[in-house]
Structures are given as structure tokens and as C-alpha cells.
């Protein structure tokens, strides 16, 4: 599908950790690196991958995805692959 998400598509504001901007971002599994749900450069690739996996371009689904990520306690950084699986499972229940 190739969903593209811009910062203006998001309902929440995220920090831009410029010092980490050029680091490898989520490109699929396996990816045991920690997921930082507070970094714009980290959340966009994750959100795009999850939206692709559930085959949706619906802005309401994206908003729900953000709500899920923003409900995670600050500082908690699960593995990217685990976060991807969790988000896809949560959205599949919503999307149907």
C-alpha cells in the first residue's frame, strides 16, 4: 500500500530528536532496537508500517494508533518488533 504520513497528519506533537534523526528507523521485523514513542522520527516509520499492515489510510485509524502509543507510560521503550505486533493486533480489532 505504501502509506505516507506527514507530521501535519498527526493529532499529537512529538519531539524531534535531531541527534538521532539519521539513525536506522523501523523497516520491518526483526528489529530488537527500542521504540521511542516520543520521537517524531521514530513514530512516523512505525505508524506507516502499522497502517500498511492493517491496510488502512483512514485518518481516524491513525488517530486511534496515536492514542494507543500515547497511552504507554513515558520512558517505557519496548522492542520495535514487539511494539509493531502489539499495534497491529490492537488496530485489527478496531478496523475489523
PDB file of N, CA and C in Angstrom:
ATOM      1  N   UNK A   1       0.821  -1.184   0.000  1.00  0.00           N
ATOM      2  CA  UNK A   1       0.000   0.000   0.000  1.00  0.00           C
ATOM      3  C   UNK A   1       0.869   1.252   0.000  1.00  0.00           C
ATOM      4  N   UNK A   2       1.882   1.292   0.845  1.00  0.00           N
ATOM      5  CA  UNK A   2       2.805   2.410   0.864  1.00  0.00           C
ATOM      6  C   UNK A   2       2.242   3.684   1.476  1.00  0.00           C
ATOM      7  N   UNK A   3       1.688   3.597   2.677  1.00  0.00           N
ATOM      8  CA  UNK A   3       1.131   4.767   3.354  1.00  0.00           C
ATOM      9  C   UNK A   3       2.256   5.740   3.682  1.00  0.00           C
ATOM     10  N   UNK A   4       2.014   7.020   3.420  1.00  0.00           N
ATOM     11  CA  UNK A   4       2.952   8.074   3.777  1.00  0.00           C
ATOM     12  C   UNK A   4       2.270   8.991   4.783  1.00  0.00           C
ATOM     13  N   UNK A   5       2.931   9.201   5.890  1.00  0.00           N
ATOM     14  CA  UNK A   5       2.390  10.046   6.955  1.00  0.00           C
ATOM     15  C   UNK A   5       3.307  11.245   7.124  1.00  0.00           C
ATOM     16  N   UNK A   6       2.700  12.423   7.177  1.00  0.00           N
ATOM     17  CA  UNK A   6       3.431  13.670   7.415  1.00  0.00           C
ATOM     18  C   UNK A   6       3.152  14.118   8.846  1.00  0.00           C
ATOM     19  N   UNK A   7       4.047  14.907   9.422  1.00  0.00           N
ATOM     20  CA  UNK A   7       3.796  15.418  10.775  1.00  0.00           C
ATOM     21  C   UNK A   7       2.453  16.141  10.893  1.00  0.00           C
ATOM     22  N   UNK A   8       2.023  16.807   9.853  1.00  0.00           N
ATOM     23  CA  UNK A   8       0.745  17.530   9.899  1.00  0.00           C
ATOM     24  C   UNK A   8      -0.459  16.585   9.943  1.00  0.00           C
ATOM     25  N   UNK A   9      -0.269  15.298   9.637  1.00  0.00           N
ATOM     26  CA  UNK A   9      -1.350  14.312   9.703  1.00  0.00           C
ATOM     27  C   UNK A   9      -1.618  13.852  11.134  1.00  0.00           C
ATOM     28  N   UNK A  10      -0.697  14.139  12.025  1.00  0.00           N
ATOM     29  CA  UNK A  10      -0.767  13.633  13.395  1.00  0.00           C
ATOM     30  C   UNK A  10      -1.539  14.585  14.294  1.00  0.00           C
ATOM     31  N   UNK A  11      -2.242  14.020  15.263  1.00  0.00           N
ATOM     32  CA  UNK A  11      -3.016  14.840  16.191  1.00  0.00           C
ATOM     33  C   UNK A  11      -2.182  15.310  17.382  1.00  0.00           C
ATOM     34  N   UNK A  12      -1.094  14.619  17.681  1.00  0.00           N
ATOM     35  CA  UNK A  12      -0.215  14.999  18.782  1.00  0.00           C
ATOM     36  C   UNK A  12       1.093  15.550  18.243  1.00  0.00           C
ATOM     37  N   UNK A  13       1.766  16.334  19.059  1.00  0.00           N
ATOM     38  CA  UNK A  13       3.092  16.851  18.726  1.00  0.00           C
ATOM     39  C   UNK A  13       4.127  15.928  19.361  1.00  0.00           C
ATOM     40  N   UNK A  14       5.184  15.671  18.617  1.00  0.00           N
ATOM     41  CA  UNK A  14       6.256  14.796  19.089  1.00  0.00           C
ATOM     42  C   UNK A  14       7.568  15.554  19.031  1.00  0.00           C
ATOM     43  N   UNK A  15       8.456  15.208  19.942  1.00  0.00           N
ATOM     44  CA  UNK A  15       9.787  15.822  19.924  1.00  0.00           C
ATOM     45  C   UNK A  15      10.518  15.379  18.670  1.00  0.00           C
ATOM     46  N   UNK A  16      11.365  16.243  18.194  1.00  0.00           N
ATOM     47  CA  UNK A  16      12.220  15.917  17.050  1.00  0.00           C
ATOM     48  C   UNK A  16      13.632  15.741  17.588  1.00  0.00           C
ATOM     49  N   UNK A  17      13.998  14.519  17.814  1.00  0.00           N
ATOM     50  CA  UNK A  17      15.330  14.229  18.348  1.00  0.00           C
ATOM     51  C   UNK A  17      16.323  14.223  17.191  1.00  0.00           C
ATOM     52  N   UNK A  18      16.759  15.428  16.846  1.00  0.00           N
ATOM     53  CA  UNK A  18      17.598  15.604  15.661  1.00  0.00           C
ATOM     54  C   UNK A  18      18.907  14.827  15.737  1.00  0.00           C
ATOM     55  N   UNK A  19      19.418  14.635  16.939  1.00  0.00           N
ATOM     56  CA  UNK A  19      20.675  13.904  17.074  1.00  0.00           C
ATOM     57  C   UNK A  19      20.517  12.436  16.682  1.00  0.00           C
ATOM     58  N   UNK A  20      19.286  11.942  16.681  1.00  0.00           N
ATOM     59  CA  UNK A  20      19.018  10.553  16.310  1.00  0.00           C
ATOM     60  C   UNK A  20      18.323  10.422  14.958  1.00  0.00           C
ATOM     61  N   UNK A  21      18.098  11.546  14.296  1.00  0.00           N
ATOM     62  CA  UNK A  21      17.327  11.554  13.052  1.00  0.00           C
ATOM     63  C   UNK A  21      17.901  10.628  11.985  1.00  0.00           C
ATOM     64  N   UNK A  22      19.219  10.533  11.912  1.00  0.00           N
ATOM     65  CA  UNK A  22      19.842   9.732  10.860  1.00  0.00           C
ATOM     66  C   UNK A  22      20.073   8.274  11.250  1.00  0.00           C
ATOM     67  N   UNK A  23      19.683   7.904  12.467  1.00  0.00           N
ATOM     68  CA  UNK A  23      19.799   6.503  12.898  1.00  0.00           C
ATOM     69  C   UNK A  23      18.772   5.653  12.146  1.00  0.00           C
ATOM     70  N   UNK A  24      19.052   4.369  12.040  1.00  0.00           N
ATOM     71  CA  UNK A  24      18.130   3.450  11.367  1.00  0.00           C
ATOM     72  C   UNK A  24      16.784   3.446  12.084  1.00  0.00           C
ATOM     73  N   UNK A  25      15.718   3.537  11.320  1.00  0.00           N
ATOM     74  CA  UNK A  25      14.359   3.507  11.854  1.00  0.00           C
ATOM     75  C   UNK A  25      13.716   2.167  11.526  1.00  0.00           C
ATOM     76  N   UNK A  26      12.538   1.941  12.059  1.00  0.00           N
ATOM     77  CA  UNK A  26      11.842   0.675  11.851  1.00  0.00           C
ATOM     78  C   UNK A  26      11.565   0.450  10.369  1.00  0.00           C
ATOM     79  N   UNK A  27      12.021  -0.698   9.872  1.00  0.00           N
ATOM     80  CA  UNK A  27      11.794  -1.070   8.478  1.00  0.00           C
ATOM     81  C   UNK A  27      11.129  -2.424   8.369  1.00  0.00           C
ATOM     82  N   UNK A  28      10.773  -2.998   9.483  1.00  0.00           N
ATOM     83  CA  UNK A  28      10.155  -4.313   9.493  1.00  0.00           C
ATOM     84  C   UNK A  28      10.847  -5.218  10.485  1.00  0.00           C
ATOM     85  N   UNK A  29      10.273  -6.381  10.648  1.00  0.00           N
ATOM     86  CA  UNK A  29      10.807  -7.348  11.591  1.00  0.00           C
ATOM     87  C   UNK A  29      11.859  -8.210  10.918  1.00  0.00           C
ATOM     88  N   UNK A  30      12.828  -8.658  11.665  1.00  0.00           N
ATOM     89  CA  UNK A  30      13.099  -8.436  13.073  1.00  0.00           C
ATOM     90  C   UNK A  30      13.751  -7.068  13.307  1.00  0.00           C
ATOM     91  N   UNK A  31      13.475  -6.486  14.449  1.00  0.00           N
ATOM     92  CA  UNK A  31      14.073  -5.215  14.856  1.00  0.00           C
ATOM     93  C   UNK A  31      14.016  -5.130  16.378  1.00  0.00           C
ATOM     94  N   UNK A  32      15.084  -5.599  17.050  1.00  0.00           N
ATOM     95  CA  UNK A  32      15.087  -5.637  18.506  1.00  0.00           C
ATOM     96  C   UNK A  32      15.453  -4.302  19.174  1.00  0.00           C
ATOM     97  N   UNK A  33      15.675  -3.248  18.388  1.00  0.00           N
ATOM     98  CA  UNK A  33      16.024  -1.955  18.982  1.00  0.00           C
ATOM     99  C   UNK A  33      14.830  -1.372  19.726  1.00  0.00           C
ATOM    100  N   UNK A  34      15.078  -0.533  20.721  1.00  0.00           N
ATOM    101  CA  UNK A  34      13.966   0.039  21.491  1.00  0.00           C
ATOM    102  C   UNK A  34      13.165   1.057  20.679  1.00  0.00           C
ATOM    103  N   UNK A  35      11.862   1.080  20.908  1.00  0.00           N
ATOM    104  CA  UNK A  35      10.954   2.020  20.252  1.00  0.00           C
ATOM    105  C   UNK A  35      10.737   3.221  21.160  1.00  0.00           C
ATOM    106  N   UNK A  36      10.980   4.414  20.630  1.00  0.00           N
ATOM    107  CA  UNK A  36      10.774   5.653  21.381  1.00  0.00           C
ATOM    108  C   UNK A  36       9.515   6.333  20.851  1.00  0.00           C
ATOM    109  N   UNK A  37       8.424   6.151  21.551  1.00  0.00           N
ATOM    110  CA  UNK A  37       7.139   6.698  21.129  1.00  0.00           C
ATOM    111  C   UNK A  37       7.004   8.191  21.322  1.00  0.00           C
ATOM    112  N   UNK A  38       8.068   8.852  21.763  1.00  0.00           N
ATOM    113  CA  UNK A  38       8.039  10.301  21.950  1.00  0.00           C
ATOM    114  C   UNK A  38       8.822  11.034  20.872  1.00  0.00           C
ATOM    115  N   UNK A  39       9.444  10.307  19.956  1.00  0.00           N
ATOM    116  CA  UNK A  39      10.298  10.892  18.922  1.00  0.00           C
ATOM    117  C   UNK A  39       9.598  10.845  17.563  1.00  0.00           C
ATOM    118  N   UNK A  40       9.388  12.003  16.963  1.00  0.00           N
ATOM    119  CA  UNK A  40       8.713  12.090  15.671  1.00  0.00           C
ATOM    120  C   UNK A  40       9.373  11.206  14.621  1.00  0.00           C
ATOM    121  N   UNK A  41      10.700  11.209  14.598  1.00  0.00           N
ATOM    122  CA  UNK A  41      11.425  10.432  13.589  1.00  0.00           C
ATOM    123  C   UNK A  41      11.302   8.930  13.814  1.00  0.00           C
ATOM    124  N   UNK A  42      10.868   8.553  14.987  1.00  0.00           N
ATOM    125  CA  UNK A  42      10.657   7.139  15.311  1.00  0.00           C
ATOM    126  C   UNK A  42       9.211   6.722  15.062  1.00  0.00           C
ATOM    127  N   UNK A  43       8.264   7.589  15.415  1.00  0.00           N
ATOM    128  CA  UNK A  43       6.860   7.188  15.319  1.00  0.00           C
ATOM    129  C   UNK A  43       6.355   7.150  13.880  1.00  0.00           C
ATOM    130  N   UNK A  44       6.800   8.063  13.039  1.00  0.00           N
ATOM    131  CA  UNK A  44       6.273   8.072  11.673  1.00  0.00           C
ATOM    132  C   UNK A  44       6.558   6.772  10.935  1.00  0.00           C
ATOM    133  N   UNK A  45       7.803   6.266  10.910  1.00  0.00           N
ATOM    134  CA  UNK A  45       8.021   4.979  10.222  1.00  0.00           C
ATOM    135  C   UNK A  45       7.222   3.826  10.831  1.00  0.00           C
ATOM    136  N   UNK A  46       7.061   3.838  12.154  1.00  0.00           N
ATOM    137  CA  UNK A  46       6.277   2.790  12.803  1.00  0.00           C
ATOM    138  C   UNK A  46       4.810   2.904  12.402  1.00  0.00           C
ATOM    139  N   UNK A  47       4.264   4.110  12.455  1.00  0.00           N
ATOM    140  CA  UNK A  47       2.867   4.315  12.090  1.00  0.00           C
ATOM    141  C   UNK A  47       2.619   3.924  10.633  1.00  0.00           C
ATOM    142  N   UNK A  48       3.544   4.274   9.738  1.00  0.00           N
ATOM    143  CA  UNK A  48       3.386   3.902   8.326  1.00  0.00           C
ATOM    144  C   UNK A  48       3.362   2.386   8.160  1.00  0.00           C
ATOM    145  N   UNK A  49       4.253   1.695   8.858  1.00  0.00           N
ATOM    146  CA  UNK A  49       4.314   0.231   8.747  1.00  0.00           C
ATOM    147  C   UNK A  49       3.040  -0.410   9.299  1.00  0.00           C
ATOM    148  N   UNK A  50       2.536   0.110  10.426  1.00  0.00           N
ATOM    149  CA  UNK A  50       1.329  -0.455  11.025  1.00  0.00           C
ATOM    150  C   UNK A  50       0.126  -0.188  10.127  1.00  0.00           C
ATOM    151  N   UNK A  51       0.003   1.028   9.613  1.00  0.00           N
ATOM    152  CA  UNK A  51      -1.118   1.361   8.730  1.00  0.00           C
ATOM    153  C   UNK A  51      -1.074   0.493   7.470  1.00  0.00           C
ATOM    154  N   UNK A  52       0.115   0.239   6.953  1.00  0.00           N
ATOM    155  CA  UNK A  52       0.249  -0.674   5.808  1.00  0.00           C
ATOM    156  C   UNK A  52      -0.221  -2.075   6.179  1.00  0.00           C
ATOM    157  N   UNK A  53       0.191  -2.542   7.357  1.00  0.00           N
ATOM    158  CA  UNK A  53      -0.145  -3.906   7.778  1.00  0.00           C
ATOM    159  C   UNK A  53      -1.646  -4.108   7.931  1.00  0.00           C
ATOM    160  N   UNK A  54      -2.353  -3.077   8.382  1.00  0.00           N
ATOM    161  CA  UNK A  54      -3.807  -3.208   8.545  1.00  0.00           C
ATOM    162  C   UNK A  54      -4.553  -2.692   7.308  1.00  0.00           C
ATOM    163  N   UNK A  55      -3.797  -2.318   6.305  1.00  0.00           N
ATOM    164  CA  UNK A  55      -4.335  -1.866   5.008  1.00  0.00           C
ATOM    165  C   UNK A  55      -5.363  -0.745   5.177  1.00  0.00           C
ATOM    166  N   UNK A  56      -4.916   0.325   5.830  1.00  0.00           N
ATOM    167  CA  UNK A  56      -5.804   1.462   6.053  1.00  0.00           C
ATOM    168  C   UNK A  56      -5.073   2.769   5.781  1.00  0.00           C
ATOM    169  N   UNK A  57      -5.802   3.718   5.222  1.00  0.00           N
ATOM    170  CA  UNK A  57      -5.323   5.084   5.057  1.00  0.00           C
ATOM    171  C   UNK A  57      -6.263   6.051   5.784  1.00  0.00           C
ATOM    172  N   UNK A  58      -7.153   5.512   6.597  1.00  0.00           N
ATOM    173  CA  UNK A  58      -8.169   6.291   7.304  1.00  0.00           C
ATOM    174  C   UNK A  58      -7.523   7.105   8.428  1.00  0.00           C
ATOM    175  N   UNK A  59      -7.750   8.412   8.432  1.00  0.00           N
ATOM    176  CA  UNK A  59      -7.212   9.286   9.462  1.00  0.00           C
ATOM    177  C   UNK A  59      -7.699   8.940  10.848  1.00  0.00           C
ATOM    178  N   UNK A  60      -8.922   8.410  10.960  1.00  0.00           N
ATOM    179  CA  UNK A  60      -9.439   8.003  12.274  1.00  0.00           C
ATOM    180  C   UNK A  60      -8.657   6.820  12.835  1.00  0.00           C
ATOM    181  N   UNK A  61      -8.234   5.930  11.955  1.00  0.00           N
ATOM    182  CA  UNK A  61      -7.420   4.790  12.384  1.00  0.00           C
ATOM    183  C   UNK A  61      -6.054   5.296  12.847  1.00  0.00           C
ATOM    184  N   UNK A  62      -5.496   6.246  12.127  1.00  0.00           N
ATOM    185  CA  UNK A  62      -4.218   6.846  12.529  1.00  0.00           C
ATOM    186  C   UNK A  62      -4.366   7.519  13.898  1.00  0.00           C
ATOM    187  N   UNK A  63      -5.459   8.239  14.115  1.00  0.00           N
ATOM    188  CA  UNK A  63      -5.678   8.881  15.413  1.00  0.00           C
ATOM    189  C   UNK A  63      -5.764   7.850  16.530  1.00  0.00           C
ATOM    190  N   UNK A  64      -6.421   6.740  16.269  1.00  0.00           N
ATOM    191  CA  UNK A  64      -6.517   5.684  17.280  1.00  0.00           C
ATOM    192  C   UNK A  64      -5.143   5.088  17.556  1.00  0.00           C
ATOM    193  N   UNK A  65      -4.358   4.914  16.512  1.00  0.00           N
ATOM    194  CA  UNK A  65      -2.990   4.418  16.656  1.00  0.00           C
ATOM    195  C   UNK A  65      -2.186   5.347  17.560  1.00  0.00           C
ATOM    196  N   UNK A  66      -2.320   6.643  17.339  1.00  0.00           N
ATOM    197  CA  UNK A  66      -1.635   7.610  18.198  1.00  0.00           C
ATOM    198  C   UNK A  66      -2.123   7.516  19.639  1.00  0.00           C
ATOM    199  N   UNK A  67      -3.430   7.371  19.818  1.00  0.00           N
ATOM    200  CA  UNK A  67      -3.971   7.252  21.175  1.00  0.00           C
ATOM    201  C   UNK A  67      -3.374   6.057  21.904  1.00  0.00           C
ATOM    202  N   UNK A  68      -3.213   4.957  21.196  1.00  0.00           N
ATOM    203  CA  UNK A  68      -2.638   3.753  21.803  1.00  0.00           C
ATOM    204  C   UNK A  68      -1.196   4.020  22.216  1.00  0.00           C
ATOM    205  N   UNK A  69      -0.409   4.590  21.314  1.00  0.00           N
ATOM    206  CA  UNK A  69       1.003   4.854  21.606  1.00  0.00           C
ATOM    207  C   UNK A  69       1.138   5.858  22.748  1.00  0.00           C
ATOM    208  N   UNK A  70       0.282   6.869  22.758  1.00  0.00           N
ATOM    209  CA  UNK A  70       0.378   7.889  23.799  1.00  0.00           C
ATOM    210  C   UNK A  70      -0.166   7.432  25.146  1.00  0.00           C
ATOM    211  N   UNK A  71      -0.798   6.266  25.198  1.00  0.00           N
ATOM    212  CA  UNK A  71      -1.251   5.723  26.472  1.00  0.00           C
ATOM    213  C   UNK A  71      -0.167   4.893  27.159  1.00  0.00           C
ATOM    214  N   UNK A  72       0.938   4.673  26.476  1.00  0.00           N
ATOM    215  CA  UNK A  72       2.057   3.913  27.029  1.00  0.00           C
ATOM    216  C   UNK A  72       2.814   4.807  28.012  1.00  0.00           C
ATOM    217  N   UNK A  73       3.165   4.303  29.179  1.00  0.00           N
ATOM    218  CA  UNK A  73       3.860   5.126  30.173  1.00  0.00           C
ATOM    219  C   UNK A  73       5.151   5.735  29.612  1.00  0.00           C
ATOM    220  N   UNK A  74       5.409   7.016  29.921  1.00  0.00           N
ATOM    221  CA  UNK A  74       6.643   7.668  29.465  1.00  0.00           C
ATOM    222  C   UNK A  74       7.872   6.894  29.922  1.00  0.00           C
ATOM    223  N   UNK A  75       8.832   6.806  29.050  1.00  0.00           N
ATOM    224  CA  UNK A  75      10.081   6.120  29.374  1.00  0.00           C
ATOM    225  C   UNK A  75      10.088   4.638  29.060  1.00  0.00           C
ATOM    226  N   UNK A  76       8.908   4.040  28.890  1.00  0.00           N
ATOM    227  CA  UNK A  76       8.839   2.618  28.554  1.00  0.00           C
ATOM    228  C   UNK A  76       9.178   2.462  27.079  1.00  0.00           C
ATOM    229  N   UNK A  77      10.202   1.679  26.779  1.00  0.00           N
ATOM    230  CA  UNK A  77      10.641   1.502  25.401  1.00  0.00           C
ATOM    231  C   UNK A  77      10.736   0.018  25.051  1.00  0.00           C
ATOM    232  N   UNK A  78       9.624  -0.552  24.596  1.00  0.00           N
ATOM    233  CA  UNK A  78       9.666  -1.961  24.169  1.00  0.00           C
ATOM    234  C   UNK A  78      10.465  -2.097  22.877  1.00  0.00           C
ATOM    235  N   UNK A  79      10.776  -3.314  22.534  1.00  0.00           N
ATOM    236  CA  UNK A  79      11.437  -3.552  21.242  1.00  0.00           C
ATOM    237  C   UNK A  79      10.510  -3.093  20.125  1.00  0.00           C
ATOM    238  N   UNK A  80      11.102  -2.575  19.067  1.00  0.00           N
ATOM    239  CA  UNK A  80      10.294  -2.113  17.929  1.00  0.00           C
ATOM    240  C   UNK A  80       9.422  -3.236  17.378  1.00  0.00           C
ATOM    241  N   UNK A  81       9.976  -4.430  17.257  1.00  0.00           N
ATOM    242  CA  UNK A  81       9.210  -5.546  16.688  1.00  0.00           C
ATOM    243  C   UNK A  81       8.023  -5.899  17.578  1.00  0.00           C
ATOM    244  N   UNK A  82       8.208  -5.817  18.885  1.00  0.00           N
ATOM    245  CA  UNK A  82       7.112  -6.098  19.813  1.00  0.00           C
ATOM    246  C   UNK A  82       6.050  -5.006  19.741  1.00  0.00           C
ATOM    247  N   UNK A  83       6.481  -3.759  19.634  1.00  0.00           N
ATOM    248  CA  UNK A  83       5.538  -2.650  19.517  1.00  0.00           C
ATOM    249  C   UNK A  83       4.743  -2.766  18.220  1.00  0.00           C
ATOM    250  N   UNK A  84       5.395  -3.131  17.136  1.00  0.00           N
ATOM    251  CA  UNK A  84       4.716  -3.306  15.856  1.00  0.00           C
ATOM    252  C   UNK A  84       3.619  -4.365  15.980  1.00  0.00           C
ATOM    253  N   UNK A  85       3.970  -5.529  16.533  1.00  0.00           N
ATOM    254  CA  UNK A  85       2.989  -6.614  16.697  1.00  0.00           C
ATOM    255  C   UNK A  85       1.815  -6.172  17.565  1.00  0.00           C
ATOM    256  N   UNK A  86       2.119  -5.488  18.672  1.00  0.00           N
ATOM    257  CA  UNK A  86       1.075  -5.011  19.580  1.00  0.00           C
ATOM    258  C   UNK A  86       0.136  -4.044  18.870  1.00  0.00           C
ATOM    259  N   UNK A  87       0.701  -3.073  18.151  1.00  0.00           N
ATOM    260  CA  UNK A  87      -0.129  -2.072  17.472  1.00  0.00           C
ATOM    261  C   UNK A  87      -0.976  -2.686  16.367  1.00  0.00           C
ATOM    262  N   UNK A  88      -0.411  -3.600  15.606  1.00  0.00           N
ATOM    263  CA  UNK A  88      -1.177  -4.258  14.551  1.00  0.00           C
ATOM    264  C   UNK A  88      -2.336  -5.043  15.170  1.00  0.00           C
ATOM    265  N   UNK A  89      -2.078  -5.768  16.244  1.00  0.00           N
ATOM    266  CA  UNK A  89      -3.145  -6.522  16.908  1.00  0.00           C
ATOM    267  C   UNK A  89      -4.249  -5.604  17.406  1.00  0.00           C
ATOM    268  N   UNK A  90      -3.869  -4.496  18.018  1.00  0.00           N
ATOM    269  CA  UNK A  90      -4.861  -3.546  18.538  1.00  0.00           C
ATOM    270  C   UNK A  90      -5.698  -2.946  17.420  1.00  0.00           C
ATOM    271  N   UNK A  91      -5.047  -2.556  16.324  1.00  0.00           N
ATOM    272  CA  UNK A  91      -5.785  -1.926  15.220  1.00  0.00           C
ATOM    273  C   UNK A  91      -6.636  -2.918  14.454  1.00  0.00           C
ATOM    274  N   UNK A  92      -6.222  -4.160  14.357  1.00  0.00           N
ATOM    275  CA  UNK A  92      -7.049  -5.161  13.656  1.00  0.00           C
ATOM    276  C   UNK A  92      -8.374  -5.325  14.349  1.00  0.00           C
ATOM    277  N   UNK A  93      -8.379  -5.209  15.672  1.00  0.00           N
ATOM    278  CA  UNK A  93      -9.649  -5.275  16.408  1.00  0.00           C
ATOM    279  C   UNK A  93     -10.525  -4.081  16.079  1.00  0.00           C
ATOM    280  N   UNK A  94      -9.935  -2.942  15.833  1.00  0.00           N
ATOM    281  CA  UNK A  94     -10.675  -1.711  15.547  1.00  0.00           C
ATOM    282  C   UNK A  94     -11.139  -1.674  14.093  1.00  0.00           C
ATOM    283  N   UNK A  95     -10.217  -2.017  13.174  1.00  0.00           N
ATOM    284  CA  UNK A  95     -10.505  -1.951  11.740  1.00  0.00           C
ATOM    285  C   UNK A  95     -11.463  -3.077  11.328  1.00  0.00           C
ATOM    286  N   UNK A  96     -11.300  -4.213  11.955  1.00  0.00           N
ATOM    287  CA  UNK A  96     -12.189  -5.338  11.655  1.00  0.00           C
ATOM    288  C   UNK A  96     -11.628  -6.318  10.760  1.00  0.00           C
TER     289      UNK A  96
END
